[in-house]
């Protein structure tokens, strides 16, 4: 299966145990390009964006596993496949 580039966006309610999130991200570390976390205290959530380059089934599995955790919502946005064929740089 061919690799895809995507961003997995994760919203974590404050007070949620993040151990399981970090364990999952560690399991998929070989596919992670980078991640950014932003606490948003006024709304009681933390926002995590994880950029990945992986086979589609791996991306779906990671997003699905994250989304099934209590207090966590996860959604994935994929880069258009044709945009990767002609790098801008």
PDB file of N, CA and C in Angstrom:
ATOM      1  N   UNK A   1       0.849  -1.181   0.000  1.00  0.00           N
ATOM      2  CA  UNK A   1       0.000   0.000   0.000  1.00  0.00           C
ATOM      3  C   UNK A   1       0.895   1.245   0.000  1.00  0.00           C
ATOM      4  N   UNK A   2       0.486   2.237  -0.741  1.00  0.00           N
ATOM      5  CA  UNK A   2       1.257   3.469  -0.869  1.00  0.00           C
ATOM      6  C   UNK A   2       1.025   4.393   0.333  1.00  0.00           C
ATOM      7  N   UNK A   3       2.075   5.114   0.706  1.00  0.00           N
ATOM      8  CA  UNK A   3       1.961   6.046   1.827  1.00  0.00           C
ATOM      9  C   UNK A   3       1.140   7.272   1.439  1.00  0.00           C
ATOM     10  N   UNK A   4       0.469   7.820   2.435  1.00  0.00           N
ATOM     11  CA  UNK A   4      -0.297   9.062   2.306  1.00  0.00           C
ATOM     12  C   UNK A   4       0.233  10.043   3.342  1.00  0.00           C
ATOM     13  N   UNK A   5       0.067  11.317   3.064  1.00  0.00           N
ATOM     14  CA  UNK A   5       0.397  12.355   4.030  1.00  0.00           C
ATOM     15  C   UNK A   5      -0.917  12.865   4.596  1.00  0.00           C
ATOM     16  N   UNK A   6      -0.964  12.987   5.920  1.00  0.00           N
ATOM     17  CA  UNK A   6      -2.208  13.413   6.567  1.00  0.00           C
ATOM     18  C   UNK A   6      -1.897  14.120   7.881  1.00  0.00           C
ATOM     19  N   UNK A   7      -2.921  14.782   8.394  1.00  0.00           N
ATOM     20  CA  UNK A   7      -2.863  15.368   9.725  1.00  0.00           C
ATOM     21  C   UNK A   7      -3.993  14.758  10.537  1.00  0.00           C
ATOM     22  N   UNK A   8      -3.639  14.198  11.678  1.00  0.00           N
ATOM     23  CA  UNK A   8      -4.638  13.686  12.606  1.00  0.00           C
ATOM     24  C   UNK A   8      -4.815  14.769  13.672  1.00  0.00           C
ATOM     25  N   UNK A   9      -6.017  15.334  13.731  1.00  0.00           N
ATOM     26  CA  UNK A   9      -6.323  16.374  14.710  1.00  0.00           C
ATOM     27  C   UNK A   9      -7.040  15.734  15.886  1.00  0.00           C
ATOM     28  N   UNK A  10      -6.547  16.037  17.076  1.00  0.00           N
ATOM     29  CA  UNK A  10      -7.051  15.394  18.284  1.00  0.00           C
ATOM     30  C   UNK A  10      -7.460  16.463  19.290  1.00  0.00           C
ATOM     31  N   UNK A  11      -8.666  16.341  19.824  1.00  0.00           N
ATOM     32  CA  UNK A  11      -9.147  17.221  20.893  1.00  0.00           C
ATOM     33  C   UNK A  11      -9.269  16.362  22.150  1.00  0.00           C
ATOM     34  N   UNK A  12      -8.607  16.807  23.211  1.00  0.00           N
ATOM     35  CA  UNK A  12      -8.597  16.054  24.467  1.00  0.00           C
ATOM     36  C   UNK A  12      -9.202  16.926  25.557  1.00  0.00           C
ATOM     37  N   UNK A  13     -10.245  16.419  26.198  1.00  0.00           N
ATOM     38  CA  UNK A  13     -10.836  17.158  27.316  1.00  0.00           C
ATOM     39  C   UNK A  13      -9.860  17.192  28.479  1.00  0.00           C
ATOM     40  N   UNK A  14      -9.747  18.353  29.139  1.00  0.00           N
ATOM     41  CA  UNK A  14      -8.868  18.450  30.289  1.00  0.00           C
ATOM     42  C   UNK A  14      -9.319  17.463  31.352  1.00  0.00           C
ATOM     43  N   UNK A  15      -8.353  16.870  32.023  1.00  0.00           N
ATOM     44  CA  UNK A  15      -8.649  15.873  33.036  1.00  0.00           C
ATOM     45  C   UNK A  15      -8.609  14.456  32.495  1.00  0.00           C
ATOM     46  N   UNK A  16      -8.508  14.319  31.173  1.00  0.00           N
ATOM     47  CA  UNK A  16      -8.417  12.993  30.556  1.00  0.00           C
ATOM     48  C   UNK A  16      -7.010  12.446  30.765  1.00  0.00           C
ATOM     49  N   UNK A  17      -6.911  11.169  31.090  1.00  0.00           N
ATOM     50  CA  UNK A  17      -5.605  10.525  31.239  1.00  0.00           C
ATOM     51  C   UNK A  17      -4.960  10.419  29.861  1.00  0.00           C
ATOM     52  N   UNK A  18      -3.832  11.077  29.678  1.00  0.00           N
ATOM     53  CA  UNK A  18      -3.184  11.117  28.366  1.00  0.00           C
ATOM     54  C   UNK A  18      -2.181   9.978  28.168  1.00  0.00           C
ATOM     55  N   UNK A  19      -2.044   9.101  29.133  1.00  0.00           N
ATOM     56  CA  UNK A  19      -1.101   7.986  29.016  1.00  0.00           C
ATOM     57  C   UNK A  19      -1.393   7.142  27.781  1.00  0.00           C
ATOM     58  N   UNK A  20      -2.654   6.805  27.558  1.00  0.00           N
ATOM     59  CA  UNK A  20      -3.025   5.968  26.406  1.00  0.00           C
ATOM     60  C   UNK A  20      -2.742   6.691  25.086  1.00  0.00           C
ATOM     61  N   UNK A  21      -2.957   8.001  25.055  1.00  0.00           N
ATOM     62  CA  UNK A  21      -2.668   8.775  23.844  1.00  0.00           C
ATOM     63  C   UNK A  21      -1.186   8.698  23.528  1.00  0.00           C
ATOM     64  N   UNK A  22      -0.360   8.961  24.523  1.00  0.00           N
ATOM     65  CA  UNK A  22       1.084   8.930  24.308  1.00  0.00           C
ATOM     66  C   UNK A  22       1.581   7.539  23.930  1.00  0.00           C
ATOM     67  N   UNK A  23       0.988   6.494  24.495  1.00  0.00           N
ATOM     68  CA  UNK A  23       1.367   5.126  24.127  1.00  0.00           C
ATOM     69  C   UNK A  23       1.037   4.842  22.664  1.00  0.00           C
ATOM     70  N   UNK A  24      -0.132   5.267  22.222  1.00  0.00           N
ATOM     71  CA  UNK A  24      -0.511   5.071  20.819  1.00  0.00           C
ATOM     72  C   UNK A  24       0.425   5.830  19.884  1.00  0.00           C
ATOM     73  N   UNK A  25       0.713   7.082  20.215  1.00  0.00           N
ATOM     74  CA  UNK A  25       1.615   7.860  19.373  1.00  0.00           C
ATOM     75  C   UNK A  25       3.008   7.221  19.336  1.00  0.00           C
ATOM     76  N   UNK A  26       3.434   6.658  20.447  1.00  0.00           N
ATOM     77  CA  UNK A  26       4.724   5.959  20.473  1.00  0.00           C
ATOM     78  C   UNK A  26       4.697   4.731  19.563  1.00  0.00           C
ATOM     79  N   UNK A  27       3.587   3.998  19.558  1.00  0.00           N
ATOM     80  CA  UNK A  27       3.459   2.808  18.701  1.00  0.00           C
ATOM     81  C   UNK A  27       3.551   3.168  17.221  1.00  0.00           C
ATOM     82  N   UNK A  28       3.092   4.352  16.851  1.00  0.00           N
ATOM     83  CA  UNK A  28       3.087   4.790  15.457  1.00  0.00           C
ATOM     84  C   UNK A  28       4.208   5.794  15.161  1.00  0.00           C
ATOM     85  N   UNK A  29       5.195   5.874  16.033  1.00  0.00           N
ATOM     86  CA  UNK A  29       6.262   6.883  15.932  1.00  0.00           C
ATOM     87  C   UNK A  29       6.994   6.848  14.593  1.00  0.00           C
ATOM     88  N   UNK A  30       7.147   5.677  14.000  1.00  0.00           N
ATOM     89  CA  UNK A  30       7.880   5.586  12.741  1.00  0.00           C
ATOM     90  C   UNK A  30       7.181   6.324  11.601  1.00  0.00           C
ATOM     91  N   UNK A  31       5.897   6.596  11.751  1.00  0.00           N
ATOM     92  CA  UNK A  31       5.125   7.279  10.711  1.00  0.00           C
ATOM     93  C   UNK A  31       4.918   8.773  11.002  1.00  0.00           C
ATOM     94  N   UNK A  32       5.258   9.205  12.205  1.00  0.00           N
ATOM     95  CA  UNK A  32       4.978  10.577  12.615  1.00  0.00           C
ATOM     96  C   UNK A  32       6.075  11.519  12.124  1.00  0.00           C
ATOM     97  N   UNK A  33       5.643  12.544  11.369  1.00  0.00           N
ATOM     98  CA  UNK A  33       6.554  13.577  10.889  1.00  0.00           C
ATOM     99  C   UNK A  33       6.807  14.579  12.013  1.00  0.00           C
ATOM    100  N   UNK A  34       5.753  14.941  12.721  1.00  0.00           N
ATOM    101  CA  UNK A  34       5.851  15.890  13.831  1.00  0.00           C
ATOM    102  C   UNK A  34       4.510  16.053  14.502  1.00  0.00           C
ATOM    103  N   UNK A  35       4.550  16.662  15.671  1.00  0.00           N
ATOM    104  CA  UNK A  35       3.305  16.901  16.392  1.00  0.00           C
ATOM    105  C   UNK A  35       3.384  18.217  17.131  1.00  0.00           C
ATOM    106  N   UNK A  36       2.219  18.806  17.340  1.00  0.00           N
ATOM    107  CA  UNK A  36       2.131  20.066  18.065  1.00  0.00           C
ATOM    108  C   UNK A  36       0.947  19.975  19.018  1.00  0.00           C
ATOM    109  N   UNK A  37       1.170  20.373  20.246  1.00  0.00           N
ATOM    110  CA  UNK A  37       0.094  20.380  21.225  1.00  0.00           C
ATOM    111  C   UNK A  37      -0.141  21.786  21.741  1.00  0.00           C
ATOM    112  N   UNK A  38      -1.412  22.149  21.864  1.00  0.00           N
ATOM    113  CA  UNK A  38      -1.776  23.482  22.325  1.00  0.00           C
ATOM    114  C   UNK A  38      -2.823  23.350  23.428  1.00  0.00           C
ATOM    115  N   UNK A  39      -2.490  23.770  24.647  1.00  0.00           N
ATOM    116  CA  UNK A  39      -3.519  23.774  25.688  1.00  0.00           C
ATOM    117  C   UNK A  39      -4.439  24.975  25.496  1.00  0.00           C
ATOM    118  N   UNK A  40      -5.713  24.762  25.625  1.00  0.00           N
ATOM    119  CA  UNK A  40      -6.690  25.848  25.511  1.00  0.00           C
ATOM    120  C   UNK A  40      -7.510  25.839  26.804  1.00  0.00           C
ATOM    121  N   UNK A  41      -6.931  26.454  27.833  1.00  0.00           N
ATOM    122  CA  UNK A  41      -7.495  26.396  29.175  1.00  0.00           C
ATOM    123  C   UNK A  41      -8.881  27.025  29.281  1.00  0.00           C
ATOM    124  N   UNK A  42      -9.117  28.103  28.513  1.00  0.00           N
ATOM    125  CA  UNK A  42     -10.414  28.777  28.604  1.00  0.00           C
ATOM    126  C   UNK A  42     -11.573  27.868  28.206  1.00  0.00           C
ATOM    127  N   UNK A  43     -11.300  26.884  27.337  1.00  0.00           N
ATOM    128  CA  UNK A  43     -12.366  25.986  26.884  1.00  0.00           C
ATOM    129  C   UNK A  43     -12.239  24.580  27.472  1.00  0.00           C
ATOM    130  N   UNK A  44     -11.191  24.360  28.269  1.00  0.00           N
ATOM    131  CA  UNK A  44     -11.055  23.075  28.949  1.00  0.00           C
ATOM    132  C   UNK A  44     -10.639  21.926  28.049  1.00  0.00           C
ATOM    133  N   UNK A  45      -9.863  22.244  27.003  1.00  0.00           N
ATOM    134  CA  UNK A  45      -9.396  21.189  26.099  1.00  0.00           C
ATOM    135  C   UNK A  45      -7.913  21.400  25.767  1.00  0.00           C
ATOM    136  N   UNK A  46      -7.319  20.350  25.257  1.00  0.00           N
ATOM    137  CA  UNK A  46      -5.988  20.402  24.665  1.00  0.00           C
ATOM    138  C   UNK A  46      -6.133  19.953  23.224  1.00  0.00           C
ATOM    139  N   UNK A  47      -5.413  20.631  22.333  1.00  0.00           N
ATOM    140  CA  UNK A  47      -5.494  20.342  20.903  1.00  0.00           C
ATOM    141  C   UNK A  47      -4.144  19.790  20.466  1.00  0.00           C
ATOM    142  N   UNK A  48      -4.173  18.646  19.810  1.00  0.00           N
ATOM    143  CA  UNK A  48      -2.942  18.026  19.316  1.00  0.00           C
ATOM    144  C   UNK A  48      -3.103  17.795  17.819  1.00  0.00           C
ATOM    145  N   UNK A  49      -2.109  18.223  17.050  1.00  0.00           N
ATOM    146  CA  UNK A  49      -2.069  17.966  15.610  1.00  0.00           C
ATOM    147  C   UNK A  49      -0.865  17.068  15.338  1.00  0.00           C
ATOM    148  N   UNK A  50      -1.111  15.945  14.691  1.00  0.00           N
ATOM    149  CA  UNK A  50      -0.057  14.987  14.400  1.00  0.00           C
ATOM    150  C   UNK A  50       0.052  14.829  12.890  1.00  0.00           C
ATOM    151  N   UNK A  51       1.194  15.224  12.329  1.00  0.00           N
ATOM    152  CA  UNK A  51       1.439  15.063  10.894  1.00  0.00           C
ATOM    153  C   UNK A  51       2.061  13.688  10.674  1.00  0.00           C
ATOM    154  N   UNK A  52       1.496  12.933   9.711  1.00  0.00           N
ATOM    155  CA  UNK A  52       1.969  11.574   9.455  1.00  0.00           C
ATOM    156  C   UNK A  52       2.200  11.328   7.970  1.00  0.00           C
ATOM    157  N   UNK A  53       3.090  10.394   7.698  1.00  0.00           N
ATOM    158  CA  UNK A  53       3.352   9.899   6.344  1.00  0.00           C
ATOM    159  C   UNK A  53       3.343   8.386   6.480  1.00  0.00           C
ATOM    160  N   UNK A  54       2.238   7.764   6.090  1.00  0.00           N
ATOM    161  CA  UNK A  54       2.031   6.345   6.378  1.00  0.00           C
ATOM    162  C   UNK A  54       1.048   5.729   5.394  1.00  0.00           C
ATOM    163  N   UNK A  55       1.000   4.408   5.347  1.00  0.00           N
ATOM    164  CA  UNK A  55      -0.053   3.758   4.563  1.00  0.00           C
ATOM    165  C   UNK A  55      -1.430   4.163   5.109  1.00  0.00           C
ATOM    166  N   UNK A  56      -2.397   4.275   4.219  1.00  0.00           N
ATOM    167  CA  UNK A  56      -3.736   4.705   4.608  1.00  0.00           C
ATOM    168  C   UNK A  56      -4.344   3.900   5.735  1.00  0.00           C
ATOM    169  N   UNK A  57      -4.115   2.585   5.737  1.00  0.00           N
ATOM    170  CA  UNK A  57      -4.696   1.767   6.802  1.00  0.00           C
ATOM    171  C   UNK A  57      -4.067   2.059   8.156  1.00  0.00           C
ATOM    172  N   UNK A  58      -2.801   2.440   8.167  1.00  0.00           N
ATOM    173  CA  UNK A  58      -2.131   2.799   9.428  1.00  0.00           C
ATOM    174  C   UNK A  58      -2.685   4.126   9.964  1.00  0.00           C
ATOM    175  N   UNK A  59      -2.906   5.071   9.063  1.00  0.00           N
ATOM    176  CA  UNK A  59      -3.458   6.363   9.469  1.00  0.00           C
ATOM    177  C   UNK A  59      -4.866   6.171  10.032  1.00  0.00           C
ATOM    178  N   UNK A  60      -5.667   5.377   9.340  1.00  0.00           N
ATOM    179  CA  UNK A  60      -7.033   5.110   9.816  1.00  0.00           C
ATOM    180  C   UNK A  60      -7.027   4.402  11.161  1.00  0.00           C
ATOM    181  N   UNK A  61      -6.116   3.452  11.320  1.00  0.00           N
ATOM    182  CA  UNK A  61      -6.034   2.714  12.579  1.00  0.00           C
ATOM    183  C   UNK A  61      -5.661   3.647  13.730  1.00  0.00           C
ATOM    184  N   UNK A  62      -4.666   4.504  13.517  1.00  0.00           N
ATOM    185  CA  UNK A  62      -4.255   5.440  14.564  1.00  0.00           C
ATOM    186  C   UNK A  62      -5.411   6.370  14.933  1.00  0.00           C
ATOM    187  N   UNK A  63      -6.037   6.967  13.932  1.00  0.00           N
ATOM    188  CA  UNK A  63      -7.141   7.890  14.188  1.00  0.00           C
ATOM    189  C   UNK A  63      -8.293   7.186  14.900  1.00  0.00           C
ATOM    190  N   UNK A  64      -8.618   5.993  14.452  1.00  0.00           N
ATOM    191  CA  UNK A  64      -9.705   5.241  15.071  1.00  0.00           C
ATOM    192  C   UNK A  64      -9.425   4.876  16.515  1.00  0.00           C
ATOM    193  N   UNK A  65      -8.205   4.427  16.785  1.00  0.00           N
ATOM    194  CA  UNK A  65      -7.823   4.063  18.160  1.00  0.00           C
ATOM    195  C   UNK A  65      -7.837   5.287  19.066  1.00  0.00           C
ATOM    196  N   UNK A  66      -7.339   6.416  18.557  1.00  0.00           N
ATOM    197  CA  UNK A  66      -7.374   7.640  19.361  1.00  0.00           C
ATOM    198  C   UNK A  66      -8.814   8.055  19.643  1.00  0.00           C
ATOM    199  N   UNK A  67      -9.661   8.021  18.636  1.00  0.00           N
ATOM    200  CA  UNK A  67     -11.050   8.449  18.783  1.00  0.00           C
ATOM    201  C   UNK A  67     -11.884   7.581  19.701  1.00  0.00           C
ATOM    202  N   UNK A  68     -11.456   6.338  19.917  1.00  0.00           N
ATOM    203  CA  UNK A  68     -12.189   5.452  20.825  1.00  0.00           C
ATOM    204  C   UNK A  68     -11.810   5.649  22.295  1.00  0.00           C
ATOM    205  N   UNK A  69     -10.779   6.448  22.557  1.00  0.00           N
ATOM    206  CA  UNK A  69     -10.385   6.699  23.942  1.00  0.00           C
ATOM    207  C   UNK A  69     -11.382   7.650  24.593  1.00  0.00           C
ATOM    208  N   UNK A  70     -11.645   7.434  25.862  1.00  0.00           N
ATOM    209  CA  UNK A  70     -12.568   8.286  26.606  1.00  0.00           C
ATOM    210  C   UNK A  70     -12.010   9.705  26.698  1.00  0.00           C
ATOM    211  N   UNK A  71     -12.845  10.694  26.393  1.00  0.00           N
ATOM    212  CA  UNK A  71     -12.454  12.092  26.480  1.00  0.00           C
ATOM    213  C   UNK A  71     -11.667  12.602  25.291  1.00  0.00           C
ATOM    214  N   UNK A  72     -11.603  11.790  24.214  1.00  0.00           N
ATOM    215  CA  UNK A  72     -10.790  12.140  23.046  1.00  0.00           C
ATOM    216  C   UNK A  72     -11.652  12.108  21.789  1.00  0.00           C
ATOM    217  N   UNK A  73     -11.456  13.108  20.930  1.00  0.00           N
ATOM    218  CA  UNK A  73     -12.056  13.136  19.601  1.00  0.00           C
ATOM    219  C   UNK A  73     -10.927  13.250  18.596  1.00  0.00           C
ATOM    220  N   UNK A  74     -10.962  12.463  17.521  1.00  0.00           N
ATOM    221  CA  UNK A  74      -9.896  12.507  16.506  1.00  0.00           C
ATOM    222  C   UNK A  74     -10.509  12.496  15.111  1.00  0.00           C
ATOM    223  N   UNK A  75      -9.956  13.317  14.248  1.00  0.00           N
ATOM    224  CA  UNK A  75     -10.361  13.382  12.839  1.00  0.00           C
ATOM    225  C   UNK A  75      -9.112  13.491  11.982  1.00  0.00           C
ATOM    226  N   UNK A  76      -9.194  12.999  10.755  1.00  0.00           N
ATOM    227  CA  UNK A  76      -8.038  12.982   9.862  1.00  0.00           C
ATOM    228  C   UNK A  76      -8.331  13.773   8.593  1.00  0.00           C
ATOM    229  N   UNK A  77      -7.336  14.531   8.158  1.00  0.00           N
ATOM    230  CA  UNK A  77      -7.398  15.250   6.891  1.00  0.00           C
ATOM    231  C   UNK A  77      -6.215  14.772   6.056  1.00  0.00           C
ATOM    232  N   UNK A  78      -6.509  14.307   4.838  1.00  0.00           N
ATOM    233  CA  UNK A  78      -5.472  13.789   3.938  1.00  0.00           C
ATOM    234  C   UNK A  78      -5.057  14.844   2.931  1.00  0.00           C
ATOM    235  N   UNK A  79      -3.760  14.880   2.623  1.00  0.00           N
ATOM    236  CA  UNK A  79      -3.273  15.742   1.547  1.00  0.00           C
ATOM    237  C   UNK A  79      -3.772  15.170   0.229  1.00  0.00           C
ATOM    238  N   UNK A  80      -4.126  16.026  -0.728  1.00  0.00           N
ATOM    239  CA  UNK A  80      -4.517  15.516  -2.045  1.00  0.00           C
ATOM    240  C   UNK A  80      -3.355  14.725  -2.637  1.00  0.00           C
ATOM    241  N   UNK A  81      -3.654  13.552  -3.162  1.00  0.00           N
ATOM    242  CA  UNK A  81      -2.595  12.683  -3.681  1.00  0.00           C
ATOM    243  C   UNK A  81      -1.808  13.338  -4.802  1.00  0.00           C
ATOM    244  N   UNK A  82      -2.460  14.078  -5.679  1.00  0.00           N
ATOM    245  CA  UNK A  82      -1.758  14.677  -6.799  1.00  0.00           C
ATOM    246  C   UNK A  82      -0.829  15.821  -6.374  1.00  0.00           C
ATOM    247  N   UNK A  83      -1.083  16.410  -5.205  1.00  0.00           N
ATOM    248  CA  UNK A  83      -0.219  17.499  -4.750  1.00  0.00           C
ATOM    249  C   UNK A  83       1.156  16.996  -4.333  1.00  0.00           C
ATOM    250  N   UNK A  84       1.258  15.718  -4.035  1.00  0.00           N
ATOM    251  CA  UNK A  84       2.526  15.146  -3.599  1.00  0.00           C
ATOM    252  C   UNK A  84       3.411  14.725  -4.760  1.00  0.00           C
ATOM    253  N   UNK A  85       2.841  14.667  -5.950  1.00  0.00           N
ATOM    254  CA  UNK A  85       3.607  14.253  -7.113  1.00  0.00           C
ATOM    255  C   UNK A  85       4.513  15.361  -7.624  1.00  0.00           C
ATOM    256  N   UNK A  86       4.152  16.602  -7.337  1.00  0.00           N
ATOM    257  CA  UNK A  86       4.917  17.752  -7.842  1.00  0.00           C
ATOM    258  C   UNK A  86       5.307  18.664  -6.687  1.00  0.00           C
ATOM    259  N   UNK A  87       6.384  18.309  -5.964  1.00  0.00           N
ATOM    260  CA  UNK A  87       6.785  19.144  -4.821  1.00  0.00           C
ATOM    261  C   UNK A  87       7.054  20.582  -5.242  1.00  0.00           C
ATOM    262  N   UNK A  88       6.699  21.505  -4.382  1.00  0.00           N
ATOM    263  CA  UNK A  88       6.877  22.919  -4.655  1.00  0.00           C
ATOM    264  C   UNK A  88       8.321  23.347  -4.447  1.00  0.00           C
ATOM    265  N   UNK A  89       9.083  22.602  -3.687  1.00  0.00           N
ATOM    266  CA  UNK A  89      10.441  23.021  -3.337  1.00  0.00           C
ATOM    267  C   UNK A  89      11.482  22.201  -4.050  1.00  0.00           C
TER     268      UNK A  89
END
